[in-house]
Amino acid sequence: MCGRRMLRSGPWTQRTAVSDRFDERILRELVADGRLSNIELARRIGLSPSACLRRVQEMERSGLIRGYRAVLDREATGARSSPISPSA
């Protein structure tokens, strides 16, 4: 794994190789706001949109990024005792 290093902190540290500081920054930005557009993400980390998208897609393919989720506010949902599940 020449040129790769392990992240030391954050939710993605378990057996995860990250290529460089751009990958680290992409992950940090997406953890903070998974709804960022690719254009905005690329602007924030200093890459072209196409390079940023390629990196995100590779992290998705490798399983590093496993998905994007909505975080519900229990109070706003009426503090349901059973979770809301996706419909078929």
N, C-alpha and C. Protein backbone atom coordinates (compact mmCIF):
# COMPACT_ATOMS: atom_id res chain seq x y z
N MET A 1 0.83 -1.19 0.00
CA MET A 1 0.00 0.00 0.00
C MET A 1 0.87 1.24 0.00
N CYS A 2 1.70 1.34 -0.95
CA CYS A 2 2.60 2.47 -1.09
C CYS A 2 1.80 3.76 -1.27
N GLY A 3 2.14 4.80 -0.52
CA GLY A 3 1.47 6.07 -0.65
C GLY A 3 0.13 6.17 0.05
N ARG A 4 -0.27 5.13 0.76
CA ARG A 4 -1.54 5.18 1.48
C ARG A 4 -1.28 5.20 2.98
N ARG A 5 -2.22 5.77 3.72
CA ARG A 5 -2.07 5.80 5.16
C ARG A 5 -3.41 5.59 5.83
N MET A 6 -3.36 5.20 7.06
CA MET A 6 -4.58 4.97 7.82
C MET A 6 -4.97 6.25 8.54
N LEU A 7 -6.25 6.59 8.52
CA LEU A 7 -6.74 7.71 9.32
C LEU A 7 -6.73 7.31 10.78
N ARG A 8 -6.44 8.24 11.63
CA ARG A 8 -6.35 7.92 13.06
C ARG A 8 -7.60 8.28 13.83
N SER A 9 -8.45 9.14 13.30
CA SER A 9 -9.66 9.49 14.03
C SER A 9 -10.81 9.65 13.05
N GLY A 10 -12.01 9.51 13.56
CA GLY A 10 -13.19 9.66 12.73
C GLY A 10 -13.90 8.33 12.57
N PRO A 11 -15.13 8.38 12.05
CA PRO A 11 -15.95 7.19 11.95
C PRO A 11 -15.52 6.22 10.87
N TRP A 12 -14.54 6.56 10.04
CA TRP A 12 -14.15 5.72 8.92
C TRP A 12 -12.81 5.02 9.14
N THR A 13 -12.32 4.97 10.39
CA THR A 13 -10.97 4.48 10.64
C THR A 13 -10.80 2.97 10.55
N GLN A 14 -11.82 2.19 10.66
CA GLN A 14 -11.70 0.74 10.71
C GLN A 14 -11.26 0.16 9.37
N ARG A 15 -10.01 -0.33 9.28
CA ARG A 15 -9.45 -0.97 8.09
C ARG A 15 -9.67 -0.14 6.82
N THR A 16 -9.42 1.15 6.89
CA THR A 16 -9.68 2.03 5.78
C THR A 16 -8.40 2.70 5.31
N ALA A 17 -8.01 2.45 4.10
CA ALA A 17 -6.85 3.13 3.52
C ALA A 17 -7.34 4.34 2.73
N VAL A 18 -6.71 5.46 2.96
CA VAL A 18 -7.06 6.70 2.28
C VAL A 18 -5.84 7.15 1.49
N SER A 19 -6.04 7.51 0.23
CA SER A 19 -4.92 7.84 -0.65
C SER A 19 -4.12 9.05 -0.20
N ASP A 20 -4.81 10.16 0.10
CA ASP A 20 -4.09 11.39 0.37
C ASP A 20 -4.97 12.37 1.12
N ARG A 21 -4.48 13.59 1.25
CA ARG A 21 -5.21 14.60 2.01
C ARG A 21 -6.54 14.96 1.34
N PHE A 22 -6.64 14.85 0.02
CA PHE A 22 -7.91 15.15 -0.65
C PHE A 22 -8.98 14.14 -0.25
N ASP A 23 -8.62 12.85 -0.21
CA ASP A 23 -9.58 11.83 0.23
C ASP A 23 -10.00 12.10 1.67
N GLU A 24 -9.05 12.44 2.52
CA GLU A 24 -9.37 12.75 3.92
C GLU A 24 -10.35 13.91 4.00
N ARG A 25 -10.10 14.96 3.22
CA ARG A 25 -10.97 16.13 3.24
C ARG A 25 -12.35 15.81 2.68
N ILE A 26 -12.40 15.00 1.63
CA ILE A 26 -13.70 14.58 1.08
C ILE A 26 -14.51 13.87 2.16
N LEU A 27 -13.88 12.94 2.85
CA LEU A 27 -14.58 12.18 3.89
C LEU A 27 -15.04 13.09 5.02
N ARG A 28 -14.19 13.98 5.46
CA ARG A 28 -14.58 14.90 6.53
C ARG A 28 -15.78 15.76 6.12
N GLU A 29 -15.75 16.28 4.90
CA GLU A 29 -16.85 17.12 4.41
C GLU A 29 -18.15 16.31 4.31
N LEU A 30 -18.07 15.08 3.79
CA LEU A 30 -19.28 14.27 3.64
C LEU A 30 -19.83 13.79 4.97
N VAL A 31 -18.95 13.54 5.94
CA VAL A 31 -19.43 13.17 7.27
C VAL A 31 -20.17 14.36 7.89
N ALA A 32 -19.65 15.56 7.68
CA ALA A 32 -20.29 16.76 8.22
C ALA A 32 -21.59 17.07 7.50
N ASP A 33 -21.64 16.84 6.18
CA ASP A 33 -22.84 17.13 5.40
C ASP A 33 -22.89 16.23 4.17
N GLY A 34 -23.56 15.11 4.30
CA GLY A 34 -23.65 14.14 3.22
C GLY A 34 -24.50 14.59 2.05
N ARG A 35 -25.14 15.74 2.17
CA ARG A 35 -25.99 16.24 1.09
C ARG A 35 -25.29 17.26 0.20
N LEU A 36 -24.00 17.47 0.42
CA LEU A 36 -23.26 18.42 -0.41
C LEU A 36 -23.32 18.00 -1.88
N SER A 37 -23.49 18.96 -2.74
CA SER A 37 -23.40 18.65 -4.18
C SER A 37 -21.94 18.40 -4.51
N ASN A 38 -21.69 17.70 -5.59
CA ASN A 38 -20.32 17.45 -6.01
C ASN A 38 -19.60 18.76 -6.32
N ILE A 39 -20.30 19.71 -6.90
CA ILE A 39 -19.71 21.01 -7.23
C ILE A 39 -19.23 21.71 -5.96
N GLU A 40 -20.09 21.73 -4.94
CA GLU A 40 -19.72 22.39 -3.68
C GLU A 40 -18.61 21.63 -2.97
N LEU A 41 -18.68 20.31 -2.97
CA LEU A 41 -17.63 19.50 -2.35
C LEU A 41 -16.29 19.76 -3.03
N ALA A 42 -16.28 19.77 -4.35
CA ALA A 42 -15.05 20.03 -5.10
C ALA A 42 -14.49 21.42 -4.78
N ARG A 43 -15.37 22.41 -4.69
CA ARG A 43 -14.94 23.77 -4.35
C ARG A 43 -14.29 23.82 -2.98
N ARG A 44 -14.91 23.14 -2.01
CA ARG A 44 -14.40 23.17 -0.63
C ARG A 44 -13.04 22.50 -0.49
N ILE A 45 -12.80 21.46 -1.26
CA ILE A 45 -11.54 20.73 -1.08
C ILE A 45 -10.47 21.12 -2.10
N GLY A 46 -10.84 21.90 -3.11
CA GLY A 46 -9.85 22.40 -4.05
C GLY A 46 -9.51 21.47 -5.19
N LEU A 47 -10.49 20.69 -5.65
CA LEU A 47 -10.31 19.83 -6.81
C LEU A 47 -11.32 20.21 -7.88
N SER A 48 -11.08 19.75 -9.10
CA SER A 48 -12.09 19.94 -10.15
C SER A 48 -13.27 19.03 -9.83
N PRO A 49 -14.47 19.39 -10.28
CA PRO A 49 -15.64 18.53 -10.04
C PRO A 49 -15.45 17.10 -10.56
N SER A 50 -14.82 16.95 -11.72
CA SER A 50 -14.65 15.59 -12.26
C SER A 50 -13.69 14.76 -11.40
N ALA A 51 -12.61 15.36 -10.93
CA ALA A 51 -11.66 14.64 -10.06
C ALA A 51 -12.31 14.29 -8.73
N CYS A 52 -13.11 15.21 -8.21
CA CYS A 52 -13.79 14.96 -6.94
C CYS A 52 -14.79 13.82 -7.08
N LEU A 53 -15.58 13.84 -8.14
CA LEU A 53 -16.57 12.80 -8.38
C LEU A 53 -15.91 11.44 -8.54
N ARG A 54 -14.80 11.39 -9.28
CA ARG A 54 -14.07 10.13 -9.47
C ARG A 54 -13.63 9.56 -8.12
N ARG A 55 -13.12 10.42 -7.25
CA ARG A 55 -12.67 9.97 -5.93
C ARG A 55 -13.83 9.47 -5.08
N VAL A 56 -14.94 10.20 -5.08
CA VAL A 56 -16.11 9.78 -4.30
C VAL A 56 -16.64 8.45 -4.82
N GLN A 57 -16.74 8.31 -6.13
CA GLN A 57 -17.24 7.06 -6.71
C GLN A 57 -16.33 5.89 -6.36
N GLU A 58 -15.03 6.10 -6.37
CA GLU A 58 -14.08 5.03 -6.01
C GLU A 58 -14.25 4.65 -4.54
N MET A 59 -14.46 5.63 -3.66
CA MET A 59 -14.67 5.33 -2.25
C MET A 59 -16.00 4.59 -2.04
N GLU A 60 -17.00 4.89 -2.86
CA GLU A 60 -18.26 4.16 -2.80
C GLU A 60 -18.06 2.72 -3.28
N ARG A 61 -17.38 2.54 -4.41
CA ARG A 61 -17.13 1.19 -4.95
C ARG A 61 -16.33 0.33 -3.99
N SER A 62 -15.35 0.92 -3.32
CA SER A 62 -14.49 0.16 -2.42
C SER A 62 -15.18 -0.17 -1.10
N GLY A 63 -16.33 0.46 -0.85
CA GLY A 63 -17.03 0.21 0.40
C GLY A 63 -16.65 1.17 1.51
N LEU A 64 -15.74 2.08 1.23
CA LEU A 64 -15.36 3.07 2.23
C LEU A 64 -16.56 3.95 2.57
N ILE A 65 -17.26 4.39 1.54
CA ILE A 65 -18.53 5.11 1.73
C ILE A 65 -19.63 4.09 1.47
N ARG A 66 -20.38 3.77 2.52
CA ARG A 66 -21.39 2.71 2.40
C ARG A 66 -22.78 3.25 2.14
N GLY A 67 -22.99 4.55 2.28
CA GLY A 67 -24.31 5.09 2.02
C GLY A 67 -24.46 6.48 2.59
N TYR A 68 -25.62 7.04 2.37
CA TYR A 68 -25.97 8.38 2.85
C TYR A 68 -27.32 8.23 3.54
N ARG A 69 -27.46 8.80 4.72
CA ARG A 69 -28.66 8.58 5.50
C ARG A 69 -29.27 9.87 6.04
N ALA A 70 -30.55 9.84 6.22
CA ALA A 70 -31.25 10.94 6.90
C ALA A 70 -31.21 10.67 8.39
N VAL A 71 -30.96 11.69 9.18
CA VAL A 71 -30.99 11.58 10.63
C VAL A 71 -32.25 12.29 11.10
N LEU A 72 -33.15 11.53 11.70
CA LEU A 72 -34.45 12.07 12.11
C LEU A 72 -34.39 12.66 13.51
N ASP A 73 -35.13 13.71 13.70
CA ASP A 73 -35.28 14.32 15.02
C ASP A 73 -36.46 13.63 15.70
N ARG A 74 -36.21 12.90 16.78
CA ARG A 74 -37.27 12.13 17.45
C ARG A 74 -38.42 13.03 17.90
N GLU A 75 -38.09 14.21 18.37
CA GLU A 75 -39.13 15.12 18.84
C GLU A 75 -40.02 15.56 17.67
N ALA A 76 -39.42 15.87 16.56
CA ALA A 76 -40.17 16.32 15.38
C ALA A 76 -41.02 15.21 14.78
N THR A 77 -40.63 13.96 14.97
CA THR A 77 -41.40 12.84 14.43
C THR A 77 -42.46 12.36 15.41
N GLY A 78 -42.59 13.04 16.52
CA GLY A 78 -43.59 12.65 17.51
C GLY A 78 -43.05 11.61 18.48
N ALA A 79 -41.73 11.49 18.58
CA ALA A 79 -41.07 10.54 19.49
C ALA A 79 -41.69 9.16 19.39
N ARG A 80 -41.82 8.65 18.18
CA ARG A 80 -42.39 7.32 17.96
C ARG A 80 -41.58 6.27 18.70
N SER A 81 -42.29 5.29 19.24
CA SER A 81 -41.59 4.21 19.93
C SER A 81 -41.03 3.20 18.94
N SER A 82 -41.64 3.11 17.74
CA SER A 82 -41.11 2.20 16.72
C SER A 82 -40.48 3.03 15.61
N PRO A 83 -39.37 2.54 15.07
CA PRO A 83 -38.70 3.30 14.02
C PRO A 83 -39.53 3.38 12.74
N ILE A 84 -39.32 4.43 12.00
CA ILE A 84 -39.97 4.57 10.70
C ILE A 84 -39.13 3.76 9.72
N SER A 85 -39.76 2.82 9.03
CA SER A 85 -39.01 2.00 8.09
C SER A 85 -39.37 2.38 6.67
N PRO A 86 -38.43 2.17 5.76
CA PRO A 86 -38.70 2.52 4.36
C PRO A 86 -39.82 1.66 3.80
N SER A 87 -40.59 2.25 2.91
CA SER A 87 -41.67 1.48 2.28
C SER A 87 -41.11 0.71 1.09
N ALA A 88 -41.78 -0.36 0.77
CA ALA A 88 -41.30 -1.23 -0.32
C ALA A 88 -41.60 -0.67 -1.67
